Full PDB file with SEQRES, HELIX, SHEET, SSBOND, CRYST1, ORIGX, SCALE, CONECT and MASTER records, all heavy atoms in Angstrom:
SEQRES   1 A   32  GLN LEU ALA PHE PHE GLU ALA LEU GLY PRO GLU GLY THR          
SEQRES   2 A   32  ALA LEU LEU TRP GLU LEU ALA SER ALA SER ARG VAL MET          
SEQRES   3 A   32  GLY LEU PRO VAL ILE PHE                                      
HELIX    1 AA1 LEU A    2  GLU A    6  1                                   5    
HELIX    2 AA2 PRO A   10  VAL A   25  1                                  16    
CRYST1    1.000    1.000    1.000  90.00  90.00  90.00 P 1           1          
ORIGX1      1.000000  0.000000  0.000000        0.00000                         
ORIGX2      0.000000  1.000000  0.000000        0.00000                         
ORIGX3      0.000000  0.000000  1.000000        0.00000                         
SCALE1      1.000000  0.000000  0.000000        0.00000                         
SCALE2      0.000000  1.000000  0.000000        0.00000                         
SCALE3      0.000000  0.000000  1.000000        0.00000                         
ATOM      1  N   GLN A   1     -35.872 -22.207 -66.522  1.00  0.00           N  
ATOM      2  CA  GLN A   1     -34.867 -21.950 -67.549  1.00  0.00           C  
ATOM      3  C   GLN A   1     -33.729 -21.160 -66.898  1.00  0.00           C  
ATOM      4  O   GLN A   1     -33.879 -19.991 -66.529  1.00  0.00           O  
ATOM      5  CB  GLN A   1     -35.499 -21.175 -68.702  1.00  0.00           C  
ATOM      6  CG  GLN A   1     -34.525 -20.679 -69.755  1.00  0.00           C  
ATOM      7  CD  GLN A   1     -33.604 -21.750 -70.276  1.00  0.00           C  
ATOM      8  OE1 GLN A   1     -32.431 -21.800 -69.875  1.00  0.00           O  
ATOM      9  NE2 GLN A   1     -34.098 -22.603 -71.137  1.00  0.00           N  
ATOM     10  N   LEU A   2     -32.574 -21.807 -66.754  1.00  0.00           N  
ATOM     11  CA  LEU A   2     -31.480 -21.238 -65.972  1.00  0.00           C  
ATOM     12  C   LEU A   2     -30.962 -19.927 -66.542  1.00  0.00           C  
ATOM     13  O   LEU A   2     -30.562 -19.030 -65.785  1.00  0.00           O  
ATOM     14  CB  LEU A   2     -30.339 -22.250 -65.864  1.00  0.00           C  
ATOM     15  CG  LEU A   2     -30.683 -23.602 -65.237  1.00  0.00           C  
ATOM     16  CD1 LEU A   2     -29.415 -24.437 -65.064  1.00  0.00           C  
ATOM     17  CD2 LEU A   2     -31.410 -23.454 -63.920  1.00  0.00           C  
ATOM     18  N   ALA A   3     -30.987 -19.780 -67.855  1.00  0.00           N  
ATOM     19  CA  ALA A   3     -30.404 -18.583 -68.469  1.00  0.00           C  
ATOM     20  C   ALA A   3     -31.082 -17.306 -67.989  1.00  0.00           C  
ATOM     21  O   ALA A   3     -30.417 -16.288 -67.748  1.00  0.00           O  
ATOM     22  CB  ALA A   3     -30.506 -18.678 -69.987  1.00  0.00           C  
ATOM     23  N   PHE A   4     -32.404 -17.349 -67.820  1.00  0.00           N  
ATOM     24  CA  PHE A   4     -33.117 -16.137 -67.431  1.00  0.00           C  
ATOM     25  C   PHE A   4     -32.792 -15.736 -65.995  1.00  0.00           C  
ATOM     26  O   PHE A   4     -32.805 -14.549 -65.658  1.00  0.00           O  
ATOM     27  CB  PHE A   4     -34.620 -16.337 -67.610  1.00  0.00           C  
ATOM     28  CG  PHE A   4     -35.042 -16.368 -69.051  1.00  0.00           C  
ATOM     29  CD1 PHE A   4     -35.225 -17.565 -69.709  1.00  0.00           C  
ATOM     30  CD2 PHE A   4     -35.229 -15.185 -69.759  1.00  0.00           C  
ATOM     31  CE1 PHE A   4     -35.602 -17.601 -71.037  1.00  0.00           C  
ATOM     32  CE2 PHE A   4     -35.602 -15.208 -71.090  1.00  0.00           C  
ATOM     33  CZ  PHE A   4     -35.786 -16.412 -71.735  1.00  0.00           C  
ATOM     34  N   PHE A   5     -32.505 -16.722 -65.148  1.00  0.00           N  
ATOM     35  CA  PHE A   5     -32.120 -16.407 -63.773  1.00  0.00           C  
ATOM     36  C   PHE A   5     -30.656 -15.972 -63.711  1.00  0.00           C  
ATOM     37  O   PHE A   5     -30.308 -15.034 -62.983  1.00  0.00           O  
ATOM     38  CB  PHE A   5     -32.366 -17.616 -62.874  1.00  0.00           C  
ATOM     39  CG  PHE A   5     -33.826 -17.899 -62.650  1.00  0.00           C  
ATOM     40  CD1 PHE A   5     -34.507 -18.781 -63.467  1.00  0.00           C  
ATOM     41  CD2 PHE A   5     -34.521 -17.255 -61.640  1.00  0.00           C  
ATOM     42  CE1 PHE A   5     -35.858 -19.038 -63.275  1.00  0.00           C  
ATOM     43  CE2 PHE A   5     -35.872 -17.496 -61.435  1.00  0.00           C  
ATOM     44  CZ  PHE A   5     -36.541 -18.396 -62.262  1.00  0.00           C  
ATOM     45  N   GLU A   6     -29.799 -16.624 -64.462  1.00  0.00           N  
ATOM     46  CA  GLU A   6     -28.389 -16.246 -64.490  1.00  0.00           C  
ATOM     47  C   GLU A   6     -28.217 -14.823 -65.003  1.00  0.00           C  
ATOM     48  O   GLU A   6     -27.331 -14.084 -64.542  1.00  0.00           O  
ATOM     49  CB  GLU A   6     -27.610 -17.231 -65.359  1.00  0.00           C  
ATOM     50  CG  GLU A   6     -27.507 -18.627 -64.747  1.00  0.00           C  
ATOM     51  CD  GLU A   6     -27.007 -19.664 -65.734  1.00  0.00           C  
ATOM     52  OE1 GLU A   6     -26.800 -19.314 -66.915  1.00  0.00           O  
ATOM     53  OE2 GLU A   6     -26.827 -20.832 -65.323  1.00  0.00           O  
ATOM     54  N   ALA A   7     -29.071 -14.419 -65.958  1.00  0.00           N  
ATOM     55  CA  ALA A   7     -28.980 -13.069 -66.514  1.00  0.00           C  
ATOM     56  C   ALA A   7     -29.313 -11.998 -65.483  1.00  0.00           C  
ATOM     57  O   ALA A   7     -28.958 -10.827 -65.664  1.00  0.00           O  
ATOM     58  CB  ALA A   7     -29.918 -12.933 -67.713  1.00  0.00           C  
ATOM     59  N   LEU A   8     -29.965 -12.385 -64.382  1.00  0.00           N  
ATOM     60  CA  LEU A   8     -30.309 -11.442 -63.325  1.00  0.00           C  
ATOM     61  C   LEU A   8     -29.209 -11.319 -62.273  1.00  0.00           C  
ATOM     62  O   LEU A   8     -29.376 -10.605 -61.283  1.00  0.00           O  
ATOM     63  CB  LEU A   8     -31.616 -11.877 -62.648  1.00  0.00           C  
ATOM     64  CG  LEU A   8     -32.849 -11.879 -63.547  1.00  0.00           C  
ATOM     65  CD1 LEU A   8     -34.024 -12.522 -62.828  1.00  0.00           C  
ATOM     66  CD2 LEU A   8     -33.193 -10.471 -63.999  1.00  0.00           C  
ATOM     67  N   GLY A   9     -28.084 -12.025 -62.472  1.00  0.00           N  
ATOM     68  CA  GLY A   9     -26.958 -11.924 -61.564  1.00  0.00           C  
ATOM     69  C   GLY A   9     -27.149 -12.733 -60.290  1.00  0.00           C  
ATOM     70  O   GLY A   9     -28.003 -13.618 -60.222  1.00  0.00           O  
ATOM     71  N   PRO A  10     -26.341 -12.455 -59.263  1.00  0.00           N  
ATOM     72  CA  PRO A  10     -26.414 -13.246 -58.025  1.00  0.00           C  
ATOM     73  C   PRO A  10     -27.797 -13.263 -57.406  1.00  0.00           C  
ATOM     74  O   PRO A  10     -28.225 -14.290 -56.867  1.00  0.00           O  
ATOM     75  CB  PRO A  10     -25.399 -12.550 -57.105  1.00  0.00           C  
ATOM     76  CG  PRO A  10     -24.448 -11.865 -58.036  1.00  0.00           C  
ATOM     77  CD  PRO A  10     -25.266 -11.448 -59.227  1.00  0.00           C  
ATOM     78  N   GLU A  11     -28.524 -12.159 -57.477  1.00  0.00           N  
ATOM     79  CA  GLU A  11     -29.871 -12.134 -56.909  1.00  0.00           C  
ATOM     80  C   GLU A  11     -30.801 -13.062 -57.691  1.00  0.00           C  
ATOM     81  O   GLU A  11     -31.700 -13.681 -57.116  1.00  0.00           O  
ATOM     82  CB  GLU A  11     -30.424 -10.713 -56.912  1.00  0.00           C  
ATOM     83  CG  GLU A  11     -29.726  -9.781 -55.937  1.00  0.00           C  
ATOM     84  CD  GLU A  11     -30.309  -8.384 -55.981  1.00  0.00           C  
ATOM     85  OE1 GLU A  11     -30.701  -7.938 -57.085  1.00  0.00           O  
ATOM     86  OE2 GLU A  11     -30.386  -7.740 -54.929  1.00  0.00           O  
ATOM     87  N   GLY A  12     -30.575 -13.170 -58.990  1.00  0.00           N  
ATOM     88  CA  GLY A  12     -31.379 -14.081 -59.801  1.00  0.00           C  
ATOM     89  C   GLY A  12     -31.113 -15.532 -59.457  1.00  0.00           C  
ATOM     90  O   GLY A  12     -32.038 -16.355 -59.396  1.00  0.00           O  
ATOM     91  N   THR A  13     -29.841 -15.863 -59.225  1.00  0.00           N  
ATOM     92  CA  THR A  13     -29.499 -17.231 -58.826  1.00  0.00           C  
ATOM     93  C   THR A  13     -30.105 -17.570 -57.474  1.00  0.00           C  
ATOM     94  O   THR A  13     -30.639 -18.672 -57.272  1.00  0.00           O  
ATOM     95  CB  THR A  13     -27.977 -17.403 -58.786  1.00  0.00           C  
ATOM     96  OG1 THR A  13     -27.432 -17.108 -60.085  1.00  0.00           O  
ATOM     97  CG2 THR A  13     -27.598 -18.820 -58.403  1.00  0.00           C  
ATOM     98  N   ALA A  14     -30.059 -16.627 -56.544  1.00  0.00           N  
ATOM     99  CA  ALA A  14     -30.671 -16.845 -55.236  1.00  0.00           C  
ATOM    100  C   ALA A  14     -32.182 -17.046 -55.372  1.00  0.00           C  
ATOM    101  O   ALA A  14     -32.781 -17.897 -54.695  1.00  0.00           O  
ATOM    102  CB  ALA A  14     -30.376 -15.669 -54.311  1.00  0.00           C  
ATOM    103  N   LEU A  15     -32.800 -16.291 -56.275  1.00  0.00           N  
ATOM    104  CA  LEU A  15     -34.232 -16.437 -56.502  1.00  0.00           C  
ATOM    105  C   LEU A  15     -34.554 -17.807 -57.094  1.00  0.00           C  
ATOM    106  O   LEU A  15     -35.554 -18.442 -56.718  1.00  0.00           O  
ATOM    107  CB  LEU A  15     -34.726 -15.330 -57.431  1.00  0.00           C  
ATOM    108  CG  LEU A  15     -36.217 -15.359 -57.801  1.00  0.00           C  
ATOM    109  CD1 LEU A  15     -37.089 -15.276 -56.550  1.00  0.00           C  
ATOM    110  CD2 LEU A  15     -36.536 -14.235 -58.778  1.00  0.00           C  
ATOM    111  N   LEU A  16     -33.712 -18.284 -58.001  1.00  0.00           N  
ATOM    112  CA  LEU A  16     -33.903 -19.617 -58.568  1.00  0.00           C  
ATOM    113  C   LEU A  16     -33.930 -20.672 -57.477  1.00  0.00           C  
ATOM    114  O   LEU A  16     -34.831 -21.525 -57.440  1.00  0.00           O  
ATOM    115  CB  LEU A  16     -32.779 -19.919 -59.568  1.00  0.00           C  
ATOM    116  CG  LEU A  16     -32.679 -21.364 -60.049  1.00  0.00           C  
ATOM    117  CD1 LEU A  16     -33.892 -21.754 -60.881  1.00  0.00           C  
ATOM    118  CD2 LEU A  16     -31.382 -21.566 -60.845  1.00  0.00           C  
ATOM    119  N   TRP A  17     -32.943 -20.641 -56.567  1.00  0.00           N  
ATOM    120  CA  TRP A  17     -32.899 -21.638 -55.488  1.00  0.00           C  
ATOM    121  C   TRP A  17     -34.141 -21.533 -54.594  1.00  0.00           C  
ATOM    122  O   TRP A  17     -34.695 -22.543 -54.168  1.00  0.00           O  
ATOM    123  CB  TRP A  17     -31.643 -21.469 -54.642  1.00  0.00           C  
ATOM    124  CG  TRP A  17     -30.337 -21.633 -55.334  1.00  0.00           C  
ATOM    125  CD1 TRP A  17     -29.200 -20.924 -55.084  1.00  0.00           C  
ATOM    126  CD2 TRP A  17     -29.988 -22.546 -56.389  1.00  0.00           C  
ATOM    127  NE1 TRP A  17     -28.184 -21.335 -55.916  1.00  0.00           N  
ATOM    128  CE2 TRP A  17     -28.644 -22.330 -56.720  1.00  0.00           C  
ATOM    129  CE3 TRP A  17     -30.700 -23.512 -57.092  1.00  0.00           C  
ATOM    130  CZ2 TRP A  17     -27.991 -23.051 -57.709  1.00  0.00           C  
ATOM    131  CZ3 TRP A  17     -30.058 -24.234 -58.096  1.00  0.00           C  
ATOM    132  CH2 TRP A  17     -28.730 -24.004 -58.385  1.00  0.00           C  
ATOM    133  N   GLU A  18     -34.565 -20.309 -54.345  1.00  0.00           N  
ATOM    134  CA  GLU A  18     -35.742 -20.118 -53.491  1.00  0.00           C  
ATOM    135  C   GLU A  18     -36.995 -20.687 -54.149  1.00  0.00           C  
ATOM    136  O   GLU A  18     -37.791 -21.389 -53.504  1.00  0.00           O  
ATOM    137  CB  GLU A  18     -35.930 -18.634 -53.194  1.00  0.00           C  
ATOM    138  CG  GLU A  18     -37.065 -18.351 -52.223  1.00  0.00           C  
ATOM    139  CD  GLU A  18     -37.246 -16.873 -51.941  1.00  0.00           C  
ATOM    140  OE1 GLU A  18     -36.577 -16.036 -52.582  1.00  0.00           O  
ATOM    141  OE2 GLU A  18     -38.084 -16.553 -51.067  1.00  0.00           O  
ATOM    142  N   LEU A  19     -37.180 -20.415 -55.436  1.00  0.00           N  
ATOM    143  CA  LEU A  19     -38.367 -20.894 -56.142  1.00  0.00           C  
ATOM    144  C   LEU A  19     -38.336 -22.409 -56.325  1.00  0.00           C  
ATOM    145  O   LEU A  19     -39.365 -23.076 -56.199  1.00  0.00           O  
ATOM    146  CB  LEU A  19     -38.490 -20.200 -57.497  1.00  0.00           C  
ATOM    147  CG  LEU A  19     -38.779 -18.700 -57.451  1.00  0.00           C  
ATOM    148  CD1 LEU A  19     -38.697 -18.098 -58.859  1.00  0.00           C  
ATOM    149  CD2 LEU A  19     -40.148 -18.422 -56.838  1.00  0.00           C  
ATOM    150  N   ALA A  20     -37.159 -22.947 -56.616  1.00  0.00           N  
ATOM    151  CA  ALA A  20     -37.048 -24.402 -56.767  1.00  0.00           C  
ATOM    152  C   ALA A  20     -37.347 -25.092 -55.437  1.00  0.00           C  
ATOM    153  O   ALA A  20     -38.046 -26.106 -55.395  1.00  0.00           O  
ATOM    154  CB  ALA A  20     -35.654 -24.774 -57.271  1.00  0.00           C  
ATOM    155  N   SER A  21     -36.826 -24.541 -54.347  1.00  0.00           N  
ATOM    156  CA  SER A  21     -37.092 -25.115 -53.027  1.00  0.00           C  
ATOM    157  C   SER A  21     -38.574 -25.034 -52.692  1.00  0.00           C  
ATOM    158  O   SER A  21     -39.156 -25.987 -52.152  1.00  0.00           O  
ATOM    159  CB  SER A  21     -36.272 -24.383 -51.958  1.00  0.00           C  
ATOM    160  OG  SER A  21     -34.886 -24.533 -52.196  1.00  0.00           O  
ATOM    161  N   ALA A  22     -39.201 -23.913 -53.017  1.00  0.00           N  
ATOM    162  CA  ALA A  22     -40.630 -23.753 -52.746  1.00  0.00           C  
ATOM    163  C   ALA A  22     -41.448 -24.755 -53.549  1.00  0.00           C  
ATOM    164  O   ALA A  22     -42.435 -25.312 -53.051  1.00  0.00           O  
ATOM    165  CB  ALA A  22     -41.064 -22.328 -53.069  1.00  0.00           C  
ATOM    166  N   SER A  23     -41.053 -24.998 -54.779  1.00  0.00           N  
ATOM    167  CA  SER A  23     -41.756 -25.973 -55.607  1.00  0.00           C  
ATOM    168  C   SER A  23     -41.729 -27.340 -54.961  1.00  0.00           C  
ATOM    169  O   SER A  23     -42.742 -28.058 -54.910  1.00  0.00           O  
ATOM    170  CB  SER A  23     -41.120 -26.048 -56.999  1.00  0.00           C  
ATOM    171  OG  SER A  23     -41.213 -24.812 -57.664  1.00  0.00           O  
ATOM    172  N   ARG A  24     -40.576 -27.718 -54.442  1.00  0.00           N  
ATOM    173  CA  ARG A  24     -40.453 -29.027 -53.802  1.00  0.00           C  
ATOM    174  C   ARG A  24     -41.305 -29.100 -52.532  1.00  0.00           C  
ATOM    175  O   ARG A  24     -41.912 -30.122 -52.235  1.00  0.00           O  
ATOM    176  CB  ARG A  24     -38.988 -29.324 -53.497  1.00  0.00           C  
ATOM    177  CG  ARG A  24     -38.087 -29.379 -54.728  1.00  0.00           C  
ATOM    178  CD  ARG A  24     -38.575 -30.401 -55.748  1.00  0.00           C  
ATOM    179  NE  ARG A  24     -38.749 -31.709 -55.145  1.00  0.00           N  
ATOM    180  CZ  ARG A  24     -37.744 -32.584 -54.966  1.00  0.00           C  
ATOM    181  NH1 ARG A  24     -36.526 -32.290 -55.372  1.00  0.00           N  
ATOM    182  NH2 ARG A  24     -37.965 -33.752 -54.403  1.00  0.00           N  
ATOM    183  N   VAL A  25     -41.350 -28.006 -51.759  1.00  0.00           N  
ATOM    184  CA  VAL A  25     -42.189 -27.965 -50.562  1.00  0.00           C  
ATOM    185  C   VAL A  25     -43.663 -28.146 -50.941  1.00  0.00           C  
ATOM    186  O   VAL A  25     -44.433 -28.785 -50.212  1.00  0.00           O  
ATOM    187  CB  VAL A  25     -41.981 -26.647 -49.795  1.00  0.00           C  
ATOM    188  CG1 VAL A  25     -43.017 -26.477 -48.699  1.00  0.00           C  
ATOM    189  CG2 VAL A  25     -40.576 -26.595 -49.199  1.00  0.00           C  
ATOM    190  N   MET A  26     -44.048 -27.618 -52.104  1.00  0.00           N  
ATOM    191  CA  MET A  26     -45.420 -27.775 -52.589  1.00  0.00           C  
ATOM    192  C   MET A  26     -45.689 -29.160 -53.174  1.00  0.00           C  
ATOM    193  O   MET A  26     -46.791 -29.434 -53.643  1.00  0.00           O  
ATOM    194  CB  MET A  26     -45.703 -26.721 -53.668  1.00  0.00           C  
ATOM    195  CG  MET A  26     -45.678 -25.302 -53.189  1.00  0.00           C  
ATOM    196  SD  MET A  26     -45.883 -24.145 -54.579  1.00  0.00           S  
ATOM    197  CE  MET A  26     -45.322 -22.610 -53.839  1.00  0.00           C  
ATOM    198  N   GLY A  27     -44.676 -30.023 -53.150  1.00  0.00           N  
ATOM    199  CA  GLY A  27     -44.832 -31.356 -53.722  1.00  0.00           C  
ATOM    200  C   GLY A  27     -44.732 -31.386 -55.230  1.00  0.00           C  
ATOM    201  O   GLY A  27     -45.183 -32.343 -55.865  1.00  0.00           O  
ATOM    202  N   LEU A  28     -44.111 -30.355 -55.808  1.00  0.00           N  
ATOM    203  CA  LEU A  28     -44.026 -30.235 -57.266  1.00  0.00           C  
ATOM    204  C   LEU A  28     -42.618 -30.589 -57.736  1.00  0.00           C  
ATOM    205  O   LEU A  28     -41.645 -29.954 -57.320  1.00  0.00           O  
ATOM    206  CB  LEU A  28     -44.368 -28.799 -57.673  1.00  0.00           C  
ATOM    207  CG  LEU A  28     -44.521 -28.495 -59.151  1.00  0.00           C  
ATOM    208  CD1 LEU A  28     -45.607 -29.333 -59.789  1.00  0.00           C  
ATOM    209  CD2 LEU A  28     -44.818 -27.003 -59.339  1.00  0.00           C  
ATOM    210  N   PRO A  29     -42.458 -31.597 -58.602  1.00  0.00           N  
ATOM    211  CA  PRO A  29     -41.136 -31.909 -59.150  1.00  0.00           C  
ATOM    212  C   PRO A  29     -40.545 -30.727 -59.921  1.00  0.00           C  
ATOM    213  O   PRO A  29     -41.277 -29.865 -60.427  1.00  0.00           O  
ATOM    214  CB  PRO A  29     -41.414 -33.100 -60.078  1.00  0.00           C  
ATOM    215  CG  PRO A  29     -42.650 -33.723 -59.531  1.00  0.00           C  
ATOM    216  CD  PRO A  29     -43.474 -32.575 -59.033  1.00  0.00           C  
ATOM    217  N   VAL A  30     -39.222 -30.711 -60.026  1.00  0.00           N  
ATOM    218  CA  VAL A  30     -38.504 -29.592 -60.647  1.00  0.00           C  
ATOM    219  C   VAL A  30     -37.614 -30.102 -61.775  1.00  0.00           C  
ATOM    220  O   VAL A  30     -36.947 -31.133 -61.640  1.00  0.00           O  
ATOM    221  CB  VAL A  30     -37.656 -28.851 -59.589  1.00  0.00           C  
ATOM    222  CG1 VAL A  30     -36.669 -27.897 -60.246  1.00  0.00           C  
ATOM    223  CG2 VAL A  30     -38.556 -28.096 -58.617  1.00  0.00           C  
ATOM    224  N   ILE A  31     -37.621 -29.355 -62.889  1.00  0.00           N  
ATOM    225  CA  ILE A  31     -36.689 -29.592 -63.993  1.00  0.00           C  
ATOM    226  C   ILE A  31     -35.834 -28.334 -64.146  1.00  0.00           C  
ATOM    227  O   ILE A  31     -36.366 -27.237 -64.327  1.00  0.00           O  
ATOM    228  CB  ILE A  31     -37.421 -29.873 -65.312  1.00  0.00           C  
ATOM    229  CG1 ILE A  31     -38.337 -31.092 -65.185  1.00  0.00           C  
ATOM    230  CG2 ILE A  31     -36.415 -30.067 -66.462  1.00  0.00           C  
ATOM    231  CD1 ILE A  31     -39.278 -31.280 -66.368  1.00  0.00           C  
ATOM    232  N   PHE A  32     -34.518 -28.503 -64.055  1.00  0.00           N  
ATOM    233  CA  PHE A  32     -33.597 -27.400 -64.328  1.00  0.00           C  
ATOM    234  C   PHE A  32     -33.217 -27.472 -65.804  1.00  0.00           C  
ATOM    235  O   PHE A  32     -32.592 -28.435 -66.253  1.00  0.00           O  
ATOM    236  CB  PHE A  32     -32.350 -27.508 -63.451  1.00  0.00           C  
ATOM    237  CG  PHE A  32     -32.624 -27.305 -61.985  1.00  0.00           C  
ATOM    238  CD1 PHE A  32     -32.622 -28.388 -61.109  1.00  0.00           C  
ATOM    239  CD2 PHE A  32     -32.882 -26.045 -61.479  1.00  0.00           C  
ATOM    240  CE1 PHE A  32     -32.869 -28.210 -59.762  1.00  0.00           C  
ATOM    241  CE2 PHE A  32     -33.136 -25.856 -60.120  1.00  0.00           C  
ATOM    242  CZ  PHE A  32     -33.133 -26.949 -59.265  1.00  0.00           C  
TER     243      PHE A  32                                                      
MASTER        0    0    0    2    0    0    0    6  242    1    0    3          
END                                                                             
């Protein structure tokens, strides 16, 4: 859910990209 990451500011957005990338590495599809 993008809103919860956006509410955390730039560090939250960076965390979103990191977690989404990790999900893909684990073979897990991602929904934004």
